[in-house]
C-alpha atoms as a PDB file:
ATOM      1  CA  MET A   1     180.722 120.941 127.039  1.00  0.00           C
ATOM      2  CA  LEU A   2     177.753 122.264 125.046  1.00  0.00           C
ATOM      3  CA  LYS A   3     179.653 125.422 124.148  1.00  0.00           C
ATOM      4  CA  GLN A   4     182.613 123.382 122.838  1.00  0.00           C
ATOM      5  CA  ALA A   5     180.267 121.260 120.713  1.00  0.00           C
ATOM      6  CA  VAL A   6     178.701 124.394 119.221  1.00  0.00           C
ATOM      7  CA  ILE A   7     182.143 125.874 118.509  1.00  0.00           C
ATOM      8  CA  TRP A   8     183.318 122.648 116.855  1.00  0.00           C
ATOM      9  CA  THR A   9     180.146 122.534 114.737  1.00  0.00           C
ATOM     10  CA  GLY A  10     180.709 126.108 113.550  1.00  0.00           C
ATOM     11  CA  GLY A  11     184.375 125.349 112.865  1.00  0.00           C
ATOM     12  CA  ALA A  12     183.437 122.250 110.881  1.00  0.00           C
ATOM     13  CA  ALA A  13     181.037 124.368 108.820  1.00  0.00           C
ATOM     14  CA  LEU A  14     183.835 126.856 108.058  1.00  0.00           C
ATOM     15  CA  LEU A  15     186.146 124.009 107.047  1.00  0.00           C
ATOM     16  CA  ALA A  16     183.396 122.586 104.841  1.00  0.00           C
ATOM     17  CA  ALA A  17     182.955 125.996 103.187  1.00  0.00           C
ATOM     18  CA  THR A  18     186.681 126.210 102.521  1.00  0.00           C
ATOM     19  CA  THR A  19     186.725 122.688 101.097  1.00  0.00           C
ATOM     20  CA  VAL A  20     183.714 123.258  98.837  1.00  0.00           C
ATOM     21  CA  ASP A  21     185.109 126.525  97.509  1.00  0.00           C
ATOM     22  CA  THR A  22     188.578 125.044  96.932  1.00  0.00           C
ATOM     23  CA  VAL A  23     187.177 122.024  95.091  1.00  0.00           C
ATOM     24  CA  ALA A  24     184.918 124.301  93.011  1.00  0.00           C
ATOM     25  CA  VAL A  25     187.792 126.605  91.990  1.00  0.00           C
ATOM     26  CA  VAL A  26     190.177 123.759  91.195  1.00  0.00           C
ATOM     27  CA  GLY A  27     187.405 121.915  89.368  1.00  0.00           C
ATOM     28  CA  ARG A  28     186.668 124.910  87.146  1.00  0.00           C
ATOM     29  CA  HIS A  29     190.335 125.153  86.179  1.00  0.00           C
ATOM     30  CA  VAL A  30     190.753 121.467  85.350  1.00  0.00           C
ATOM     31  CA  GLY A  31     187.450 121.147  83.526  1.00  0.00           C
ATOM     32  CA  LEU A  32     185.481 119.325  86.247  1.00  0.00           C
ATOM     33  CA  PRO A  33     183.239 121.989  87.822  1.00  0.00           C
ATOM     34  CA  LEU A  34     181.480 121.230  91.107  1.00  0.00           C
ATOM     35  CA  THR A  35     177.811 121.538  90.220  1.00  0.00           C
ATOM     36  CA  GLY A  36     175.830 123.437  92.840  1.00  0.00           C
ATOM     37  CA  SER A  37     178.845 124.792  94.704  1.00  0.00           C
ATOM     38  CA  ILE A  38     177.194 128.185  95.217  1.00  0.00           C
ATOM     39  CA  GLU A  39     174.112 126.545  96.743  1.00  0.00           C
ATOM     40  CA  LEU A  40     176.319 124.514  99.062  1.00  0.00           C
ATOM     41  CA  MET A  41     178.215 127.638 100.077  1.00  0.00           C
ATOM     42  CA  GLN A  42     174.968 129.484 100.847  1.00  0.00           C
ATOM     43  CA  ALA A  43     173.796 126.707 103.159  1.00  0.00           C
ATOM     44  CA  ILE A  44     177.167 126.299 104.873  1.00  0.00           C
ATOM     45  CA  VAL A  45     177.654 130.039 105.389  1.00  0.00           C
ATOM     46  CA  LEU A  46     174.186 130.298 106.935  1.00  0.00           C
ATOM     47  CA  VAL A  47     175.054 127.549 109.423  1.00  0.00           C
ATOM     48  CA  SER A  48     178.485 128.945 110.294  1.00  0.00           C
ATOM     49  CA  GLY A  49     177.216 132.534 110.537  1.00  0.00           C
ATOM     50  CA  ALA A  50     174.249 131.605 112.716  1.00  0.00           C
ATOM     51  CA  ILE A  51     176.490 129.587 115.027  1.00  0.00           C
ATOM     52  CA  GLY A  52     178.941 132.494 115.097  1.00  0.00           C
ATOM     53  CA  LEU A  53     176.139 134.764 116.308  1.00  0.00           C
ATOM     54  CA  VAL A  54     175.286 132.347 119.104  1.00  0.00           C
ATOM     55  CA  ILE A  55     178.914 132.068 120.235  1.00  0.00           C
ATOM     56  CA  ALA A  56     179.436 135.846 120.081  1.00  0.00           C
ATOM     57  CA  THR A  57     176.319 136.357 122.195  1.00  0.00           C
ATOM     58  CA  TRP A  58     177.354 133.626 124.618  1.00  0.00           C
ATOM     59  CA  ASP A  59     180.809 135.177 125.110  1.00  0.00           C
ATOM     60  CA  ASN A  60     179.535 138.781 125.092  1.00  0.00           C
ATOM     61  CA  ALA A  61     181.859 139.356 122.160  1.00  0.00           C
ATOM     62  CA  HIS A  62     179.696 141.301 119.724  1.00  0.00           C
ATOM     63  CA  ALA A  63     181.404 144.259 118.102  1.00  0.00           C
ATOM     64  CA  ARG A  64     180.835 147.408 120.145  1.00  0.00           C
ATOM     65  CA  VAL A  65     182.091 150.944 120.028  1.00  0.00           C
ATOM     66  CA  ARG A  66     183.897 151.248 123.334  1.00  0.00           C
ATOM     67  CA  LEU A  67     185.487 154.665 122.829  1.00  0.00           C
ATOM     68  CA  LEU A  68     182.710 156.459 124.685  1.00  0.00           C
ATOM     69  CA  VAL A  69     181.671 153.664 127.050  1.00  0.00           C
ATOM     70  CA  GLU A  70     185.185 153.196 128.459  1.00  0.00           C
ATOM     71  CA  ARG A  71     185.200 156.840 129.606  1.00  0.00           C
ATOM     72  CA  LEU A  72     182.025 156.438 131.639  1.00  0.00           C
ATOM     73  CA  GLY A  73     181.943 155.726 135.350  1.00  0.00           C
ATOM     74  CA  PRO A  74     181.070 152.242 136.605  1.00  0.00           C
ATOM     75  CA  GLY A  75     177.362 153.000 137.086  1.00  0.00           C
ATOM     76  CA  SER A  76     176.953 154.663 133.714  1.00  0.00           C
ATOM     77  CA  ARG A  77     178.985 151.940 132.029  1.00  0.00           C
ATOM     78  CA  SER A  78     176.712 149.273 133.517  1.00  0.00           C
ATOM     79  CA  LEU A  79     173.666 151.184 132.305  1.00  0.00           C
ATOM     80  CA  ALA A  80     175.148 151.539 128.809  1.00  0.00           C
ATOM     81  CA  ASP A  81     175.920 147.801 128.700  1.00  0.00           C
ATOM     82  CA  ARG A  82     172.364 146.941 129.739  1.00  0.00           C
ATOM     83  CA  ALA A  83     170.952 149.350 127.159  1.00  0.00           C
ATOM     84  CA  SER A  84     173.172 147.795 124.501  1.00  0.00           C
ATOM     85  CA  ASP A  85     171.988 144.302 125.418  1.00  0.00           C
ATOM     86  CA  LEU A  86     168.373 145.466 125.406  1.00  0.00           C
ATOM     87  CA  VAL A  87     168.648 147.100 121.971  1.00  0.00           C
ATOM     88  CA  THR A  88     170.406 143.985 120.643  1.00  0.00           C
ATOM     89  CA  LEU A  89     167.628 141.826 122.099  1.00  0.00           C
ATOM     90  CA  VAL A  90     164.926 143.941 120.447  1.00  0.00           C
ATOM     91  CA  PHE A  91     166.786 143.762 117.124  1.00  0.00           C
ATOM     92  CA  LEU A  92     167.163 139.963 117.348  1.00  0.00           C
ATOM     93  CA  LEU A  93     163.504 139.544 118.305  1.00  0.00           C
ATOM     94  CA  CYS A  94     162.485 141.617 115.276  1.00  0.00           C
ATOM     95  CA  LEU A  95     164.684 139.452 113.035  1.00  0.00           C
ATOM     96  CA  LEU A  96     163.227 136.319 114.605  1.00  0.00           C
ATOM     97  CA  ALA A  97     159.656 137.572 114.179  1.00  0.00           C
ATOM     98  CA  GLY A  98     160.251 138.321 110.504  1.00  0.00           C
ATOM     99  CA  SER A  99     161.985 135.019 109.933  1.00  0.00           C
ATOM    100  CA  LEU A 100     159.196 133.094 111.681  1.00  0.00           C
ATOM    101  CA  TRP A 101     156.650 134.961 109.593  1.00  0.00           C
ATOM    102  CA  LEU A 102     158.467 133.981 106.394  1.00  0.00           C
ATOM    103  CA  SER A 103     158.777 130.397 107.620  1.00  0.00           C
ATOM    104  CA  ALA A 104     155.062 130.166 108.364  1.00  0.00           C
ATOM    105  CA  ASP A 105     154.074 131.859 105.121  1.00  0.00           C
ATOM    106  CA  LEU A 106     156.260 129.599 102.959  1.00  0.00           C
ATOM    107  CA  TRP A 107     155.938 126.367 104.960  1.00  0.00           C
ATOM    108  CA  ASP A 108     153.766 124.630 102.354  1.00  0.00           C
ATOM    109  CA  GLY A 109     155.731 126.093  99.455  1.00  0.00           C
ATOM    110  CA  TYR A 110     158.212 123.197  99.237  1.00  0.00           C
ATOM    111  CA  GLU A 111     161.051 125.596  98.553  1.00  0.00           C
ATOM    112  CA  GLN A 112     164.375 124.136  97.594  1.00  0.00           C
ATOM    113  CA  SER A 113     167.507 125.181  95.783  1.00  0.00           C
ATOM    114  CA  GLU A 114     167.424 124.850  92.016  1.00  0.00           C
ATOM    115  CA  ILE A 115     170.299 122.448  91.372  1.00  0.00           C
ATOM    116  CA  LEU A 116     170.877 120.358  94.488  1.00  0.00           C
ATOM    117  CA  GLY A 117     167.422 120.563  96.038  1.00  0.00           C
ATOM    118  CA  ILE A 118     168.605 121.882  99.414  1.00  0.00           C
ATOM    119  CA  PRO A 119     165.433 122.518 101.472  1.00  0.00           C
ATOM    120  CA  TRP A 120     165.228 126.182 102.473  1.00  0.00           C
ATOM    121  CA  ALA A 121     162.762 125.358 105.263  1.00  0.00           C
ATOM    122  CA  LEU A 122     165.485 123.434 107.106  1.00  0.00           C
ATOM    123  CA  LEU A 123     167.890 126.354 106.777  1.00  0.00           C
ATOM    124  CA  ARG A 124     165.221 128.752 108.049  1.00  0.00           C
ATOM    125  CA  MET A 125     164.690 126.490 111.071  1.00  0.00           C
ATOM    126  CA  ILE A 126     168.432 126.583 111.804  1.00  0.00           C
ATOM    127  CA  ALA A 127     168.461 130.383 111.523  1.00  0.00           C
ATOM    128  CA  ASN A 128     165.367 130.688 113.727  1.00  0.00           C
ATOM    129  CA  LEU A 129     166.813 128.355 116.336  1.00  0.00           C
ATOM    130  CA  CYS A 130     170.056 130.341 116.487  1.00  0.00           C
ATOM    131  CA  LEU A 131     168.215 133.687 116.693  1.00  0.00           C
ATOM    132  CA  ALA A 132     166.065 132.302 119.509  1.00  0.00           C
ATOM    133  CA  ALA A 133     169.173 131.013 121.309  1.00  0.00           C
ATOM    134  CA  CYS A 134     170.773 134.465 121.052  1.00  0.00           C
ATOM    135  CA  ALA A 135     167.620 136.073 122.427  1.00  0.00           C
ATOM    136  CA  VAL A 136     167.521 133.642 125.371  1.00  0.00           C
ATOM    137  CA  LEU A 137     171.198 134.296 126.134  1.00  0.00           C
ATOM    138  CA  LEU A 138     170.593 138.057 126.113  1.00  0.00           C
ATOM    139  CA  VAL A 139     167.548 137.746 128.380  1.00  0.00           C
ATOM    140  CA  LEU A 140     169.594 135.651 130.812  1.00  0.00           C
ATOM    141  CA  ARG A 141     172.374 138.256 130.765  1.00  0.00           C
ATOM    142  CA  LEU A 142     169.891 141.087 131.400  1.00  0.00           C
ATOM    143  CA  VAL A 143     168.287 139.194 134.284  1.00  0.00           C
ATOM    144  CA  ARG A 144     171.671 138.397 135.859  1.00  0.00           C
ATOM    145  CA  ARG A 145     172.761 142.046 135.645  1.00  0.00           C
ATOM    146  CA  ARG A 146     169.709 143.126 137.622  1.00  0.00           C
ATOM    147  CA  LYS A 147     170.645 140.948 140.575  1.00  0.00           C
END
């Protein structure tokens, strides 16, 4: 149920991005440009991309080079999968640490986009939440593989 809601939210964000871009292109050609369309696209792409990361982590569907791993035996393949998950976890934790640092450093900065006033702090919170969710999913996968 939760997974379906997350997928639908990400899909809605992709549809919104398509709609905004289509309206912006048509508007430019008919003389009615959509002011702030690039800012809207930035916010929407962040949401859809962050949700895409969560879903890919949830489904264990991140891009991997399987040419070598598929030739390994079952024990070695399991070890390679765990190592891959561990390296991915470390990478995500580093991204999360940097993003949290930026969020804390700029919290009182009242950052917003220039034209529409989209608050960047809200978008950082969404990104941080999705990175944390990916990290939790990877930790759960690593713990389950040990058992």
